[in-house]
């Protein structure tokens, strides 16, 4: 069970950091290489599924913030379910 908790933690941590790196690449320019292509291929499907809700405050897109919050909530729910299964 401990392994499942660690896998859950690291899976969501990596997803969150992928979204953060994706946002930073947008702010500072996107170099075209294998690393950035990999980051975009992981983060874009998640972000695009929430962008259809037009989560903007003025010109600022808050989609990444919403996604990070939801990923944290989902991670906690899964963690709670795993712990209750003990």
Foldseek 3Di string as FASTA:
>chain_A
DVVVLVCLVVVLVVLLVLLVVLVVCVVPDPDDDPVNVVSCVRNVVLLVVPCVVVCDDVPRRCSSVVSNVVSVVVSVVVNVVVVVVD
